Protein backbone atom coordinates (compact mmCIF):
# COMPACT_ATOMS: atom_id res chain seq x y z
CA MET A 1 0.97 27.38 20.45
CA LYS A 2 3.27 25.08 22.32
CA LYS A 3 1.83 21.59 23.30
CA LEU A 4 3.15 19.64 26.31
CA ILE A 5 2.33 15.97 26.36
CA VAL A 6 2.58 14.91 29.91
CA GLY A 7 2.45 11.45 31.97
CA GLY A 8 2.73 9.17 29.15
CA THR A 9 5.09 6.26 28.37
CA LEU A 10 7.15 7.22 25.46
CA VAL A 11 8.03 4.33 23.10
CA ASP A 12 10.19 6.26 20.67
CA GLY A 13 10.34 4.04 17.62
CA SER A 14 14.00 2.94 18.01
CA GLY A 15 13.10 -0.48 19.68
CA ALA A 16 14.46 0.57 23.03
CA PRO A 17 12.23 0.00 26.02
CA GLY A 18 9.43 2.62 26.83
CA TYR A 19 10.13 5.26 29.37
CA LYS A 20 8.29 7.93 31.24
CA ALA A 21 8.88 11.50 30.06
CA ASN A 22 7.04 14.50 28.82
CA LEU A 23 7.27 15.82 25.24
CA LEU A 24 7.07 19.30 24.07
CA ILE A 25 5.90 20.29 20.52
CA GLU A 26 6.85 23.71 19.37
CA ASP A 27 5.47 24.72 15.93
CA ASN A 28 5.89 21.54 13.78
CA LYS A 29 8.81 19.98 15.59
CA ILE A 30 9.55 17.98 18.76
CA ALA A 31 11.36 20.66 20.75
CA GLN A 32 12.09 18.69 23.98
CA ILE A 33 11.78 15.44 25.68
CA GLY A 34 12.36 14.99 29.52
CA ASP A 35 11.06 16.43 32.82
CA ILE A 36 9.53 19.47 31.41
CA ALA A 37 7.11 21.66 33.43
CA ALA A 38 4.07 23.36 32.07
CA ALA A 39 4.36 26.97 31.51
CA ASP A 40 1.80 29.72 30.58
CA GLY A 41 0.64 29.60 27.05
CA MET A 42 1.07 25.79 26.69
CA GLU A 43 -1.62 23.49 25.70
CA VAL A 44 -1.14 20.44 28.16
CA ILE A 45 -2.23 17.05 26.88
CA ASP A 46 -2.65 14.52 29.74
CA ALA A 47 -1.24 11.09 28.47
CA THR A 48 -1.26 9.27 31.82
CA GLY A 49 -1.74 5.55 31.19
CA LEU A 50 -1.22 6.03 27.43
CA VAL A 51 1.62 5.23 25.05
CA VAL A 52 3.15 8.18 23.19
CA ALA A 53 4.70 6.88 19.87
CA PRO A 54 5.82 8.31 16.55
CA GLY A 55 3.16 8.60 13.92
CA PHE A 56 2.70 5.41 12.12
CA ILE A 57 3.91 5.05 8.57
CA ASP A 58 1.98 3.24 5.92
CA THR A 59 4.40 1.98 3.24
CA HIS A 60 1.74 0.55 1.01
CA SER A 61 -1.35 2.76 0.53
CA HIS A 62 -3.95 3.20 -2.17
CA SER A 63 -5.06 6.77 -1.37
CA ASP A 64 -3.74 8.01 -4.62
CA LEU A 65 -7.19 9.47 -5.86
CA GLN A 66 -8.88 9.55 -2.46
CA VAL A 67 -6.50 12.10 -1.09
CA LEU A 68 -7.52 14.56 -3.90
CA LEU A 69 -11.22 13.89 -3.19
CA GLU A 70 -11.33 13.62 0.55
CA PRO A 71 -7.92 15.14 1.62
CA GLU A 72 -8.29 14.32 5.35
CA VAL A 73 -7.94 10.54 4.50
CA ALA A 74 -9.61 9.88 7.72
CA PRO A 75 -9.50 6.08 7.60
CA LYS A 76 -5.64 6.48 7.82
CA VAL A 77 -5.36 9.27 10.37
CA MET A 78 -7.87 7.85 12.71
CA GLN A 79 -5.75 4.68 13.08
CA GLY A 80 -2.66 6.73 13.86
CA ILE A 81 -0.93 6.95 10.48
CA THR A 82 0.74 10.31 9.82
CA THR A 83 2.69 9.32 6.55
CA GLU A 84 1.73 7.12 3.64
CA ILE A 85 3.41 5.97 0.45
CA LEU A 86 1.30 6.25 -2.74
CA GLY A 87 2.07 4.96 -6.34
CA GLN A 88 1.97 1.31 -5.62
CA ASP A 89 1.77 -1.89 -7.64
CA GLY A 90 3.21 -0.26 -10.85
CA ILE A 91 -0.17 1.50 -11.73
CA SER A 92 -1.07 4.79 -10.32
CA MET A 93 -1.84 8.47 -11.24
CA ALA A 94 1.29 9.83 -12.79
CA PRO A 95 2.94 10.16 -15.23
CA LEU A 96 -0.31 10.25 -17.33
CA PRO A 97 0.04 11.57 -20.95
CA LYS A 98 -3.26 13.17 -22.11
CA GLU A 99 -3.81 10.71 -24.93
CA TYR A 100 -3.96 7.89 -22.50
CA ILE A 101 -6.29 9.42 -19.77
CA SER A 102 -9.35 7.51 -20.84
CA PRO A 103 -8.03 3.97 -21.06
CA TRP A 104 -5.77 4.55 -17.96
CA ARG A 105 -8.69 5.59 -15.81
CA LYS A 106 -10.38 2.35 -16.64
CA ASN A 107 -7.21 0.36 -15.85
CA LEU A 108 -6.83 2.15 -12.56
CA ALA A 109 -10.33 2.12 -11.41
CA GLY A 110 -10.37 -1.30 -9.75
CA LEU A 111 -7.39 -0.33 -7.57
CA ASP A 112 -7.72 3.37 -6.73
CA GLY A 113 -11.16 4.24 -8.09
CA ASP A 114 -12.21 6.78 -10.63
CA SER A 115 -13.94 10.22 -10.50
CA ASP A 116 -14.92 13.13 -12.81
CA ASP A 117 -14.38 15.50 -10.00
CA ILE A 118 -10.65 16.14 -10.55
CA ASN A 119 -8.70 17.47 -13.50
CA TRP A 120 -6.86 14.43 -14.91
CA GLU A 121 -4.49 16.60 -16.96
CA PHE A 122 -1.70 16.74 -14.47
CA VAL A 123 0.55 14.93 -17.04
CA ASN A 124 3.43 13.90 -14.60
CA THR A 125 4.61 13.37 -11.07
CA GLU A 126 5.45 17.04 -10.56
CA GLY A 127 1.86 18.02 -11.61
CA TYR A 128 0.25 15.32 -9.50
CA LEU A 129 2.20 16.19 -6.25
CA LYS A 130 1.22 19.86 -6.81
CA MET A 131 -2.36 18.84 -6.90
CA ILE A 132 -1.99 16.94 -3.56
CA GLU A 133 -0.27 20.09 -2.11
CA ASP A 134 -3.05 22.36 -3.30
CA VAL A 135 -5.85 20.32 -1.43
CA LYS A 136 -3.81 20.40 1.81
CA PRO A 137 -3.68 16.82 2.67
CA GLY A 138 -4.41 15.38 6.20
CA LEU A 139 -1.18 13.41 6.35
CA ASN A 140 2.20 13.33 4.72
CA GLU A 141 2.20 11.84 1.39
CA CYS A 142 5.09 10.21 -0.62
CA TYR A 143 5.10 8.83 -4.17
CA LEU A 144 6.60 5.98 -6.00
CA VAL A 145 6.78 6.36 -9.71
CA PRO A 146 4.90 3.41 -11.19
CA HIS A 147 6.53 1.13 -13.79
CA GLY A 148 3.10 0.81 -15.71
CA ASN A 149 2.85 4.58 -16.15
CA ILE A 150 6.43 4.83 -17.24
CA ARG A 151 5.85 2.09 -19.86
CA MET A 152 2.56 3.59 -21.01
CA GLU A 153 4.17 6.98 -21.74
CA ALA A 154 7.35 5.26 -23.42
CA MET A 155 5.56 2.68 -25.64
CA GLY A 156 1.74 2.51 -25.06
CA LEU A 157 -0.21 -0.51 -23.64
CA GLU A 158 0.79 -3.22 -26.06
CA ASN A 159 1.89 -6.66 -24.88
CA ARG A 160 5.44 -6.62 -26.15
CA LEU A 161 8.99 -5.86 -25.14
CA PRO A 162 10.44 -2.35 -25.63
CA ASN A 163 13.08 -1.62 -28.38
CA GLU A 164 16.17 0.21 -27.31
CA GLU A 165 14.74 3.61 -28.13
CA GLU A 166 11.73 2.90 -25.92
CA LEU A 167 13.87 1.42 -23.19
CA GLU A 168 16.01 4.69 -23.17
CA LYS A 169 12.71 6.73 -22.99
CA MET A 170 11.85 4.47 -19.84
CA ARG A 171 15.23 5.49 -18.27
CA ALA A 172 14.63 9.19 -19.14
CA ILE A 173 11.08 9.19 -17.66
CA THR A 174 12.31 7.43 -14.41
CA ARG A 175 14.97 9.97 -14.00
CA ARG A 176 12.62 12.90 -14.68
CA GLU A 177 10.13 11.47 -12.10
CA MET A 178 12.83 10.87 -9.60
CA GLU A 179 13.91 14.43 -9.93
CA ALA A 180 10.37 15.47 -9.39
CA GLY A 181 10.60 13.95 -5.89
CA ALA A 182 9.40 10.25 -6.36
CA ILE A 183 11.06 8.19 -3.45
CA GLY A 184 11.49 5.06 -5.81
CA LEU A 185 9.81 2.80 -8.42
CA SER A 186 7.01 0.54 -8.15
CA THR A 187 5.92 -2.39 -10.13
CA GLY A 188 3.09 -4.87 -10.01
CA LEU A 189 4.04 -7.91 -12.17
CA ILE A 190 0.47 -9.34 -12.17
CA TYR A 191 -1.03 -6.00 -13.36
CA MET A 192 -1.08 -4.67 -16.93
CA PRO A 193 1.09 -3.31 -18.61
CA CYS A 194 3.77 -4.26 -15.95
CA ALA A 195 3.27 -7.99 -16.57
CA TYR A 196 4.35 -7.64 -20.11
CA SER A 197 7.88 -6.84 -19.12
CA GLU A 198 10.93 -8.95 -18.57
CA SER A 199 13.61 -8.41 -15.91
CA THR A 200 15.92 -6.55 -18.23
CA GLU A 201 13.55 -3.66 -18.56
CA ILE A 202 12.94 -3.35 -14.90
CA ILE A 203 16.80 -3.70 -14.28
CA GLU A 204 17.45 -0.63 -16.41
CA MET A 205 14.94 1.61 -14.64
CA CYS A 206 16.16 0.36 -11.28
CA LYS A 207 19.75 1.46 -12.18
CA VAL A 208 18.44 5.07 -12.48
CA VAL A 209 16.55 4.72 -9.08
CA ALA A 210 19.77 3.36 -7.42
CA GLU A 211 21.59 6.54 -8.49
CA TYR A 212 19.20 8.28 -5.90
CA ASP A 213 19.42 5.53 -3.42
CA GLY A 214 15.62 4.99 -3.97
CA SER A 215 13.53 2.00 -3.35
CA PHE A 216 12.22 -0.72 -5.82
CA VAL A 217 8.83 -1.70 -4.42
CA ILE A 218 7.39 -4.90 -5.99
CA HIS A 219 4.20 -6.85 -6.19
CA GLN A 220 6.24 -9.73 -7.44
CA ARG A 221 5.18 -12.03 -10.40
CA SER A 222 3.95 -14.75 -8.12
CA GLU A 223 2.98 -15.04 -4.50
CA ALA A 224 1.79 -18.71 -5.10
CA ASP A 225 2.91 -21.57 -7.32
CA THR A 226 6.18 -19.96 -8.64
CA ILE A 227 7.04 -17.78 -5.70
CA LEU A 228 10.54 -19.14 -5.42
CA GLU A 229 11.37 -18.45 -9.03
CA SER A 230 9.58 -14.93 -8.55
CA MET A 231 11.74 -14.03 -5.55
CA GLU A 232 14.96 -15.14 -7.44
CA GLU A 233 13.89 -12.75 -10.27
CA VAL A 234 13.46 -9.92 -7.80
CA ILE A 235 16.79 -10.59 -6.07
CA GLU A 236 18.53 -10.69 -9.45
CA ILE A 237 17.05 -7.21 -10.23
CA GLY A 238 18.55 -6.05 -6.86
CA ARG A 239 21.91 -7.67 -7.74
CA GLN A 240 22.32 -6.26 -11.08
CA SER A 241 20.95 -2.72 -10.54
CA GLY A 242 22.13 -2.09 -6.95
CA VAL A 243 18.74 -0.75 -5.90
CA LYS A 244 17.13 -1.39 -2.56
CA VAL A 245 14.45 -4.19 -2.89
CA HIS A 246 11.24 -3.92 -1.01
CA TYR A 247 8.52 -6.65 -1.41
CA SER A 248 4.94 -5.62 -1.22
CA HIS A 249 2.42 -7.35 1.15
CA PHE A 250 4.74 -10.28 1.53
CA LYS A 251 3.01 -13.69 1.78
CA VAL A 252 2.57 -17.10 0.39
CA CYS A 253 -0.72 -17.93 -1.10
CA GLY A 254 -2.50 -21.20 -1.27
CA LYS A 255 -2.44 -24.21 0.97
CA LYS A 256 -0.38 -26.40 -1.61
CA ASN A 257 2.36 -23.61 -1.44
CA TRP A 258 2.74 -23.35 2.26
CA ASP A 259 5.55 -25.90 2.27
CA LYS A 260 7.56 -23.18 0.40
CA ILE A 261 7.55 -20.85 3.30
CA GLU A 262 10.90 -22.11 4.83
CA LYS A 263 12.62 -21.62 1.42
CA VAL A 264 11.09 -18.14 0.99
CA VAL A 265 12.67 -17.03 4.26
CA ALA A 266 16.04 -18.73 3.17
CA LEU A 267 16.00 -16.66 0.01
CA LEU A 268 15.69 -13.46 2.11
CA GLU A 269 18.71 -14.59 4.22
CA LYS A 270 20.61 -15.54 1.10
CA ALA A 271 20.11 -12.17 -0.45
CA LYS A 272 21.09 -10.24 2.75
CA ALA A 273 24.26 -12.34 2.99
CA GLU A 274 25.17 -11.34 -0.54
CA GLY A 275 24.87 -7.67 0.43
CA ILE A 276 21.46 -7.00 -1.40
CA ARG A 277 19.29 -4.74 0.65
CA VAL A 278 15.81 -6.37 1.11
CA SER A 279 12.74 -5.57 3.03
CA PHE A 280 9.06 -6.14 2.92
CA ASP A 281 5.68 -4.79 4.36
CA GLN A 282 2.86 -6.82 5.51
CA TYR A 283 -0.76 -6.27 6.57
CA PRO A 284 -2.09 -8.27 9.66
CA TYR A 285 -4.83 -10.25 8.07
CA VAL A 286 -5.30 -13.77 6.27
CA ALA A 287 -7.18 -12.08 3.36
CA GLY A 288 -5.84 -9.96 0.54
CA SER A 289 -7.66 -7.22 -1.52
CA THR A 290 -7.28 -6.11 -5.16
CA MET A 291 -9.21 -5.61 -8.36
CA LEU A 292 -11.49 -8.51 -9.37
CA GLY A 293 -10.03 -8.48 -13.02
CA VAL A 294 -6.90 -10.24 -11.72
CA ILE A 295 -8.87 -13.54 -11.86
CA LEU A 296 -8.85 -13.21 -15.67
CA PRO A 297 -6.00 -14.97 -17.68
CA PRO A 298 -3.21 -12.61 -18.58
CA TRP A 299 -4.00 -12.73 -22.29
CA VAL A 300 -7.44 -11.22 -21.60
CA HIS A 301 -5.64 -7.99 -20.53
CA ASP A 302 -3.60 -7.56 -23.65
CA GLY A 303 -4.08 -3.90 -24.99
CA GLY A 304 -5.65 -2.51 -21.99
CA THR A 305 -9.17 -2.37 -20.46
CA ASP A 306 -10.94 -1.42 -23.72
CA LYS A 307 -9.62 -4.74 -25.22
CA LEU A 308 -10.49 -6.75 -22.17
CA LEU A 309 -14.13 -5.48 -22.31
CA GLU A 310 -14.22 -6.51 -26.06
CA ARG A 311 -13.06 -10.02 -25.10
CA LEU A 312 -15.61 -10.36 -22.28
CA LYS A 313 -18.39 -9.75 -24.89
CA ASP A 314 -17.23 -12.76 -27.01
CA PRO A 315 -18.92 -16.13 -25.72
CA GLU A 316 -16.24 -18.33 -27.19
CA LEU A 317 -13.42 -16.26 -25.46
CA ARG A 318 -15.24 -16.64 -22.24
CA LYS A 319 -15.17 -20.46 -22.60
CA LYS A 320 -11.37 -20.22 -23.07
CA MET A 321 -11.20 -17.95 -19.89
CA VAL A 322 -12.90 -20.49 -17.85
CA GLU A 323 -10.79 -23.27 -19.25
CA ASP A 324 -7.61 -21.37 -18.44
CA ILE A 325 -8.79 -20.59 -14.96
CA GLU A 326 -9.74 -24.17 -14.39
CA ARG A 327 -6.59 -25.61 -15.86
CA GLY A 328 -4.27 -22.93 -14.96
CA ILE A 329 -1.36 -21.36 -16.93
CA PRO A 330 2.23 -21.87 -15.85
CA GLY A 331 3.72 -19.00 -14.09
CA TRP A 332 0.36 -17.10 -13.62
CA ASP A 333 -0.97 -16.46 -10.04
CA ASN A 334 -4.51 -17.99 -10.40
CA PHE A 335 -6.54 -16.51 -7.61
CA VAL A 336 -9.51 -18.77 -8.21
CA GLU A 337 -7.13 -21.83 -7.67
CA PHE A 338 -5.54 -20.56 -4.50
CA ALA A 339 -8.57 -18.85 -2.90
CA GLY A 340 -11.64 -20.50 -4.57
CA LEU A 341 -14.82 -19.04 -5.90
CA ASP A 342 -16.30 -19.21 -2.45
CA GLN A 343 -13.43 -17.21 -0.89
CA ILE A 344 -13.40 -14.19 -3.37
CA PHE A 345 -15.68 -11.50 -2.42
CA VAL A 346 -16.95 -8.36 -4.29
CA THR A 347 -16.12 -5.24 -2.30
CA SER A 348 -16.75 -2.26 -4.62
CA VAL A 349 -18.55 -1.34 -7.84
CA LYS A 350 -18.94 2.06 -9.45
CA ASN A 351 -22.69 1.58 -10.86
CA LYS A 352 -25.61 1.75 -8.30
CA LYS A 353 -27.44 -1.07 -10.19
CA ASN A 354 -24.72 -3.52 -9.15
CA GLU A 355 -24.39 -2.54 -5.46
CA ASP A 356 -26.50 -5.61 -4.51
CA THR A 357 -23.32 -7.61 -5.41
CA ILE A 358 -21.08 -5.99 -2.78
CA GLY A 359 -20.23 -8.44 0.04
CA LEU A 360 -21.02 -11.47 -2.06
CA ASN A 361 -18.64 -14.25 -2.97
CA LEU A 362 -18.49 -15.38 -6.61
CA ILE A 363 -20.72 -18.46 -5.88
CA GLU A 364 -23.39 -16.11 -4.25
CA LEU A 365 -23.02 -13.71 -7.13
CA GLY A 366 -23.91 -16.49 -9.60
CA LYS A 367 -26.93 -17.43 -7.53
CA LEU A 368 -28.03 -13.80 -7.28
CA ARG A 369 -27.96 -13.45 -11.05
CA GLY A 370 -29.22 -16.88 -11.78
CA LYS A 371 -26.13 -17.86 -13.67
CA ASP A 372 -22.97 -19.92 -13.59
CA PRO A 373 -20.63 -18.00 -11.23
CA TYR A 374 -18.11 -17.43 -14.04
CA GLU A 375 -20.72 -15.93 -16.33
CA ALA A 376 -22.09 -13.68 -13.52
CA THR A 377 -18.52 -12.63 -12.76
CA PHE A 378 -17.77 -11.87 -16.47
CA ASP A 379 -20.97 -9.86 -16.69
CA LEU A 380 -20.25 -7.86 -13.64
CA LEU A 381 -16.72 -7.08 -14.86
CA LEU A 382 -18.06 -5.97 -18.26
CA GLU A 383 -20.96 -3.88 -16.86
CA GLU A 384 -18.53 -2.15 -14.46
CA GLU A 385 -15.77 -1.69 -17.12
CA ASN A 386 -13.44 -3.71 -14.93
CA ALA A 387 -13.82 -1.37 -11.87
CA VAL A 388 -14.54 -3.88 -9.34
CA GLY A 389 -12.78 -4.50 -6.04
CA MET A 390 -12.38 -7.84 -4.30
CA VAL A 391 -11.16 -9.48 -1.04
CA ASP A 392 -9.57 -12.94 -1.24
CA PHE A 393 -8.73 -15.39 1.61
CA TYR A 394 -5.41 -17.14 1.15
CA GLY A 395 -3.39 -17.92 4.31
CA THR A 396 -3.25 -18.73 8.10
CA GLU A 397 -2.74 -16.74 11.29
CA GLU A 398 0.39 -18.84 11.98
CA HIS A 399 2.00 -17.58 8.74
CA VAL A 400 0.95 -13.94 9.40
CA GLN A 401 2.89 -14.10 12.68
CA LEU A 402 5.86 -15.99 11.09
CA PHE A 403 6.42 -13.14 8.58
CA MET A 404 5.54 -10.47 11.11
CA LYS A 405 8.47 -11.44 13.33
CA LEU A 406 11.03 -11.32 10.65
CA PRO A 407 13.59 -8.38 10.80
CA GLU A 408 12.74 -7.33 7.28
CA MET A 409 9.14 -6.65 7.99
CA ASN A 410 7.34 -3.25 8.36
CA ALA A 411 3.55 -2.61 8.67
CA CYS A 412 1.30 -1.37 6.01
CA THR A 413 -2.50 -1.27 5.10
CA ASP A 414 -2.58 -1.91 1.32
CA GLY A 415 -6.25 -0.99 1.53
CA LEU A 416 -8.55 -0.02 -1.46
CA LEU A 417 -10.82 2.72 -0.16
CA GLY A 418 -13.89 2.21 -2.26
CA GLY A 419 -17.22 0.45 -1.53
CA LYS A 420 -17.11 -2.16 1.35
CA PRO A 421 -13.34 -2.26 1.68
CA HIS A 422 -10.92 -4.77 3.36
CA PRO A 423 -11.11 -3.91 7.06
CA ARG A 424 -7.29 -3.18 6.84
CA VAL A 425 -8.21 0.21 5.42
CA PHE A 426 -9.56 1.23 8.91
CA GLY A 427 -7.62 -0.91 11.41
CA ALA A 428 -4.32 -2.62 10.16
CA PHE A 429 -2.04 -0.67 12.74
CA PRO A 430 -4.29 -1.01 15.77
CA ARG A 431 -4.88 -4.68 14.91
CA ILE A 432 -1.09 -5.17 15.34
CA LEU A 433 -0.95 -3.46 18.73
CA GLY A 434 -4.22 -5.02 19.97
CA LYS A 435 -4.15 -8.52 18.63
CA TYR A 436 -0.49 -9.42 17.99
CA VAL A 437 1.03 -7.42 20.79
CA ARG A 438 -1.49 -7.41 23.71
CA GLU A 439 -3.51 -10.54 23.06
CA ASP A 440 -1.25 -12.97 21.09
CA LYS A 441 2.06 -11.60 22.43
CA ALA A 442 3.64 -12.35 19.09
CA LEU A 443 5.72 -9.05 19.27
CA SER A 444 6.69 -6.71 22.18
CA LEU A 445 5.12 -3.24 22.22
CA GLU A 446 8.62 -1.83 21.39
CA GLU A 447 9.14 -4.21 18.41
CA ALA A 448 5.66 -3.34 16.92
CA ILE A 449 6.07 0.31 17.14
CA TYR A 450 9.65 0.03 15.63
CA LYS A 451 8.07 -1.89 12.72
CA MET A 452 5.38 0.71 12.29
CA THR A 453 7.59 3.84 12.49
CA LYS A 454 11.46 3.83 12.34
CA LYS A 455 11.81 0.66 10.35
CA ALA A 456 9.63 2.16 7.59
CA ALA A 457 11.36 5.60 7.80
CA THR A 458 14.83 3.95 7.46
CA THR A 459 13.81 1.73 4.68
CA PHE A 460 12.60 4.68 2.58
CA ASN A 461 15.27 7.21 3.61
CA MET A 462 12.75 9.46 5.44
CA THR A 463 14.70 11.98 7.53
CA ASP A 464 13.58 13.55 10.64
CA ARG A 465 10.39 11.36 10.91
CA GLY A 466 9.69 7.86 12.38
CA GLU A 467 11.22 8.39 15.81
CA LEU A 468 10.49 10.61 18.87
CA LYS A 469 13.70 12.79 18.90
CA GLU A 470 14.29 16.26 19.57
CA GLY A 471 14.43 18.26 16.29
CA TYR A 472 12.29 15.64 14.50
CA TYR A 473 8.94 16.52 13.00
CA ALA A 474 6.01 16.25 15.43
CA ASP A 475 4.32 13.35 13.93
CA VAL A 476 2.98 11.74 17.14
CA THR A 477 0.28 9.05 17.95
CA ILE A 478 -0.95 8.58 21.38
CA PHE A 479 -2.99 5.45 22.25
CA ASN A 480 -4.26 3.40 25.02
CA PRO A 481 -2.49 0.05 25.05
CA GLU A 482 -5.15 -1.67 27.14
CA THR A 483 -8.05 -1.01 24.60
CA ILE A 484 -6.36 -0.36 21.16
CA ILE A 485 -7.98 -2.78 18.54
CA ASP A 486 -9.39 -2.73 15.13
CA LYS A 487 -13.20 -2.88 15.01
CA GLY A 488 -13.91 -3.40 11.27
CA THR A 489 -14.91 -6.94 10.10
CA PHE A 490 -15.11 -8.37 6.45
CA THR A 491 -18.84 -7.93 6.71
CA ASP A 492 -18.78 -4.55 8.30
CA PRO A 493 -15.36 -2.95 7.60
CA VAL A 494 -16.16 0.81 7.81
CA GLN A 495 -15.42 1.22 11.50
CA TYR A 496 -12.69 3.22 13.16
CA PRO A 497 -10.61 1.46 15.71
CA GLU A 498 -10.68 1.87 19.46
CA GLY A 499 -7.90 3.21 21.51
CA ILE A 500 -6.35 6.00 19.28
CA GLU A 501 -6.68 9.09 21.52
CA TYR A 502 -4.52 11.76 19.76
CA VAL A 503 -2.74 12.22 16.52
CA PHE A 504 -0.48 15.09 15.69
CA VAL A 505 0.69 15.57 12.17
CA ASN A 506 3.61 18.12 11.86
CA GLY A 507 2.66 19.49 15.23
CA VAL A 508 -1.10 19.93 14.53
CA THR A 509 -3.63 18.08 16.56
CA THR A 510 -5.51 16.06 13.95
CA VAL A 511 -7.22 13.65 16.38
CA ALA A 512 -8.12 14.67 19.79
CA LYS A 513 -9.73 12.41 22.36
CA GLY A 514 -10.60 9.90 19.63
CA LYS A 515 -12.29 12.41 17.31
CA HIS A 516 -11.06 13.95 14.16
CA THR A 517 -10.54 17.72 14.56
CA GLY A 518 -11.04 18.56 10.84
CA LYS A 519 -7.56 19.98 10.78
CA ARG A 520 -5.15 19.01 7.72
CA ALA A 521 -1.52 19.57 8.28
CA GLY A 522 0.17 16.92 5.99
CA ARG A 523 2.83 17.71 3.56
CA VAL A 524 4.15 16.06 0.28
CA LEU A 525 7.57 14.51 1.01
CA ARG A 526 9.88 14.47 -1.82
CA LYS A 527 13.23 12.82 -2.46
CA LYS A 528 16.03 15.38 -2.74
CA GLY A 529 19.25 13.64 -3.41
CA THR A 530 19.24 10.50 -1.29
CA GLU A 531 17.03 11.72 1.48
CA VAL A 532 13.20 12.20 1.59
CA VAL A 533 12.45 15.60 2.81
CA GLN A 534 9.52 18.04 2.66
């Protein structure tokens, strides 16, 4: 059935001023925009007083496992997101050789969760994307091939550099997965086994990605003390490989590092002036979220999660862990140093017996268990086999707005979906429109929607999406600009936002009058040549 959206203000994603027009959806495409009269057989959606925008694009998502378990991915669709990019931070689902399934599930659990309810023998990106298609996802899904998975297939989980044969394997695996439809390569240089690598290894993979005009998406080696050196490393990777560089969840952590912000921005400008293509995504909060295991010194992770758990059982090694955390290790992002034990909170566990720890900071965790906070934290990580999520507070609202206004920025959620998650899982995009546009006036409505739609689509070479244009796919979000806002808090995050009235995914009404319809019309978007298509 044709759908006619009438009476709304179209903010088309291009950055141009909004304008009054009707929009006709036919099948899965935007058929016409203009002064269109209703006709028999049309479903008419009254958008009077509302904004009609392209569906939002989440360029940093952790729904990798969740999309297979709950394919509607309601926390995303209900905030207006119609496309998301999986495979982040260098550790995700595929490729996954059968012999590594057990240790890899443990390594992945803190970020993306774990489940016995799927068949983990999908082997590679082609197999994984086919699984997503088979469950009929609720929104469009793209995938970055993760550096850690490539490294694991080529040389296992050891802390060493690859030999030439293994490096060639990495190049070949990268090419295979790009041919299977991955839109780029991701790495997370604080996560194992990615952190074991040097730039040379990454440059070689990025050269392959650059052949497809894919993106290199990076959680850089430092977002704190050595962020300037870290950014220089990333820029050098772009310089030597020719790949497009996209920094994940861009920020500067820790009060003592805030004086580096001006130099950080200058490095972005320097790279652009040199012709290196750089961009970044950002979530609109002063707290981050990841797996709790990142507070452990790098050497604790050597050899994978099973080795980590063995070390956590050793009282003498625990003393060394505390010593390294307290004193710091040069070049290591020490979360305890820049956030503090009182500003790191447990958000998820997998065992019911430890659910009483969810929502507690690490000081409170120690009190609950009647132990030193470090010992209580180590015990929890051991009991949960490292599958613990966390939230950490690191910055200021002033810095959030500063980065948000930069031309390289597009929006993301970066939300882990388990337990008591970061509120960005449910509200990142409405928060930008409610807080930063309507209340703080940090961005215009048109700027914000551009950063949530076309900017992301252009960065990742998505064709026919990210803009309201005739012939484009009908991914459309309709919201009330006067009421839209996130509702979730850090103590009560599982709340859908206000103000999202309708969401259409490939022309199908997925949200109507603020309620999920139960329909799933998403597609897997693959890279074909240099463009991302379905």
